[in-house]
């Protein structure tokens, strides 16, 4: 490994922190050799591998899935067809979570809409109620201590 990269050099080339790179190594996503002084030495090919790992993690995939998908990467920025089933599975999980969160959000919005506290105590709801700012909050008399 004549042109090996030290961890700081790999970090600079990939915009990953040394801590992230150590984590990737501990998780088995990348491999490093050790110098006689114990420094991590990475093959230059690891640069593209780290970039791919970061893209997969940024897409919301767990480390376990990323580890499996690394075998489906043979070109930069391109996953092989072997990745599709796992990606579809994770997409379906996110779709279900989004549906659950939308249901929860709708229930909360219904509680807000049904409450006279928000109208009588000076709260303001902006836009599509994605952001709610309460300018004053008082308990209704029946709930006051």
Protein backbone atom coordinates (compact mmCIF):
# COMPACT_ATOMS: atom_id res chain seq x y z
CA UNK A 1 0.00 0.00 0.00
CA UNK A 2 2.51 2.54 -1.24
CA UNK A 3 0.11 5.48 -1.63
CA UNK A 4 -1.90 4.75 1.48
CA UNK A 5 -3.98 7.51 3.02
CA UNK A 6 -3.92 8.37 6.67
CA UNK A 7 -7.24 9.01 8.36
CA UNK A 8 -6.92 12.80 8.17
CA UNK A 9 -6.20 12.66 4.46
CA UNK A 10 -9.15 10.36 3.84
CA UNK A 11 -11.35 12.66 5.91
CA UNK A 12 -10.30 15.67 3.85
CA UNK A 13 -11.02 13.87 0.56
CA UNK A 14 -14.46 12.63 1.61
CA UNK A 15 -15.78 15.38 3.90
CA UNK A 16 -16.15 12.74 6.60
CA UNK A 17 -14.72 13.29 10.05
CA UNK A 18 -12.01 10.99 11.41
CA UNK A 19 -14.52 9.87 14.02
CA UNK A 20 -16.99 8.86 11.28
CA UNK A 21 -14.24 6.94 9.49
CA UNK A 22 -13.32 5.06 12.66
CA UNK A 23 -17.02 4.23 13.10
CA UNK A 24 -17.23 2.96 9.51
CA UNK A 25 -14.18 0.80 10.15
CA UNK A 26 -15.62 -0.55 13.41
CA UNK A 27 -18.87 -1.39 11.60
CA UNK A 28 -16.98 -3.27 8.87
CA UNK A 29 -17.87 -0.78 6.13
CA UNK A 30 -14.25 0.07 5.31
CA UNK A 31 -10.94 -1.58 6.07
CA UNK A 32 -7.59 -0.15 7.09
CA UNK A 33 -4.17 -1.54 7.63
CA UNK A 34 -1.97 -0.32 10.45
CA UNK A 35 1.42 1.32 10.19
CA UNK A 36 4.27 0.25 12.44
CA UNK A 37 3.19 3.09 14.75
CA UNK A 38 -0.45 1.98 14.77
CA UNK A 39 -1.83 4.64 12.42
CA UNK A 40 -4.68 3.63 10.16
CA UNK A 41 -3.68 3.42 6.51
CA UNK A 42 -6.39 3.31 3.86
CA UNK A 43 -6.15 2.25 0.25
CA UNK A 44 -7.03 5.16 -2.08
CA UNK A 45 -9.99 3.13 -3.43
CA UNK A 46 -11.66 3.66 -0.05
CA UNK A 47 -12.33 7.29 -1.02
CA UNK A 48 -15.17 6.30 -3.38
CA UNK A 49 -16.37 3.66 -0.94
CA UNK A 50 -16.72 6.28 1.84
CA UNK A 51 -18.57 8.60 -0.52
CA UNK A 52 -20.98 5.78 -1.38
CA UNK A 53 -21.43 4.94 2.31
CA UNK A 54 -22.26 8.55 3.09
CA UNK A 55 -24.83 8.72 0.27
CA UNK A 56 -26.53 5.54 1.48
CA UNK A 57 -26.59 6.71 5.10
CA UNK A 58 -27.90 10.13 4.02
CA UNK A 59 -30.76 8.30 2.27
CA UNK A 60 -31.81 7.01 5.68
CA UNK A 61 -30.49 3.47 5.38
CA UNK A 62 -29.22 1.78 8.54
CA UNK A 63 -25.60 0.64 8.75
CA UNK A 64 -26.67 -3.01 8.42
CA UNK A 65 -28.30 -2.28 5.07
CA UNK A 66 -25.35 -0.19 3.90
CA UNK A 67 -23.00 -3.07 4.68
CA UNK A 68 -25.11 -5.38 2.51
CA UNK A 69 -25.45 -2.85 -0.30
CA UNK A 70 -21.71 -2.26 -0.63
CA UNK A 71 -21.51 -5.38 -2.78
CA UNK A 72 -23.99 -3.73 -5.17
CA UNK A 73 -21.71 -0.78 -5.90
CA UNK A 74 -19.33 -1.24 -8.79
CA UNK A 75 -19.33 2.27 -10.23
CA UNK A 76 -19.35 5.63 -8.52
CA UNK A 77 -22.89 7.03 -8.11
CA UNK A 78 -24.52 3.86 -9.44
CA UNK A 79 -26.09 0.95 -7.61
CA UNK A 80 -26.43 -2.38 -9.35
CA UNK A 81 -29.88 -4.01 -9.71
CA UNK A 82 -29.12 -6.22 -6.69
CA UNK A 83 -29.77 -3.13 -4.52
CA UNK A 84 -33.33 -2.54 -5.70
CA UNK A 85 -35.20 -5.05 -3.50
CA UNK A 86 -33.62 -3.71 -0.31
CA UNK A 87 -34.16 -0.09 -1.36
CA UNK A 88 -37.82 -0.80 -2.15
CA UNK A 89 -38.25 -2.45 1.24
CA UNK A 90 -36.81 0.57 3.05
CA UNK A 91 -38.89 2.94 0.94
CA UNK A 92 -42.03 1.05 1.97
CA UNK A 93 -41.03 1.33 5.64
CA UNK A 94 -40.61 5.10 5.25
CA UNK A 95 -43.96 5.36 3.45
CA UNK A 96 -45.66 3.58 6.36
CA UNK A 97 -43.93 5.84 8.89
CA UNK A 98 -44.94 8.94 6.94
CA UNK A 99 -48.57 7.72 6.86
CA UNK A 100 -48.49 7.10 10.63
CA UNK A 101 -46.99 10.53 11.30
CA UNK A 102 -49.55 12.17 9.02
CA UNK A 103 -52.35 10.47 10.98
CA UNK A 104 -50.82 11.65 14.25
CA UNK A 105 -50.40 15.18 12.90
CA UNK A 106 -54.01 15.24 11.70
CA UNK A 107 -55.20 14.11 15.14
CA UNK A 108 -53.20 16.86 16.81
CA UNK A 109 -54.50 19.43 14.35
CA UNK A 110 -58.04 18.25 15.13
CA UNK A 111 -57.43 18.82 18.84
CA UNK A 112 -56.11 22.30 18.13
CA UNK A 113 -59.01 23.15 15.84
CA UNK A 114 -61.54 21.90 18.39
CA UNK A 115 -60.05 23.85 21.26
CA UNK A 116 -61.44 27.24 22.22
CA UNK A 117 -58.33 27.91 24.35
CA UNK A 118 -56.34 28.76 21.24
CA UNK A 119 -58.88 31.33 20.11
CA UNK A 120 -59.67 32.98 23.45
CA UNK A 121 -56.16 33.23 24.84
CA UNK A 122 -54.38 34.95 21.99
CA UNK A 123 -52.61 32.07 20.30
CA UNK A 124 -51.82 32.48 16.67
CA UNK A 125 -51.67 29.75 14.08
CA UNK A 126 -49.70 30.62 10.96
CA UNK A 127 -50.07 29.40 7.40
CA UNK A 128 -51.06 25.77 7.09
CA UNK A 129 -50.50 25.32 10.84
CA UNK A 130 -47.19 23.58 10.29
CA UNK A 131 -45.79 26.04 12.79
CA UNK A 132 -47.79 26.93 15.85
CA UNK A 133 -46.84 29.84 18.06
CA UNK A 134 -48.61 30.44 21.32
CA UNK A 135 -48.34 34.07 22.36
CA UNK A 136 -50.24 33.59 25.61
CA UNK A 137 -51.49 30.55 27.40
CA UNK A 138 -53.88 30.45 30.30
CA UNK A 139 -55.72 27.46 31.66
CA UNK A 140 -59.46 27.70 31.36
CA UNK A 141 -61.10 28.54 34.71
CA UNK A 142 -62.26 25.00 35.29
CA UNK A 143 -58.66 23.73 35.14
CA UNK A 144 -57.06 26.55 37.13
CA UNK A 145 -55.76 25.64 40.59
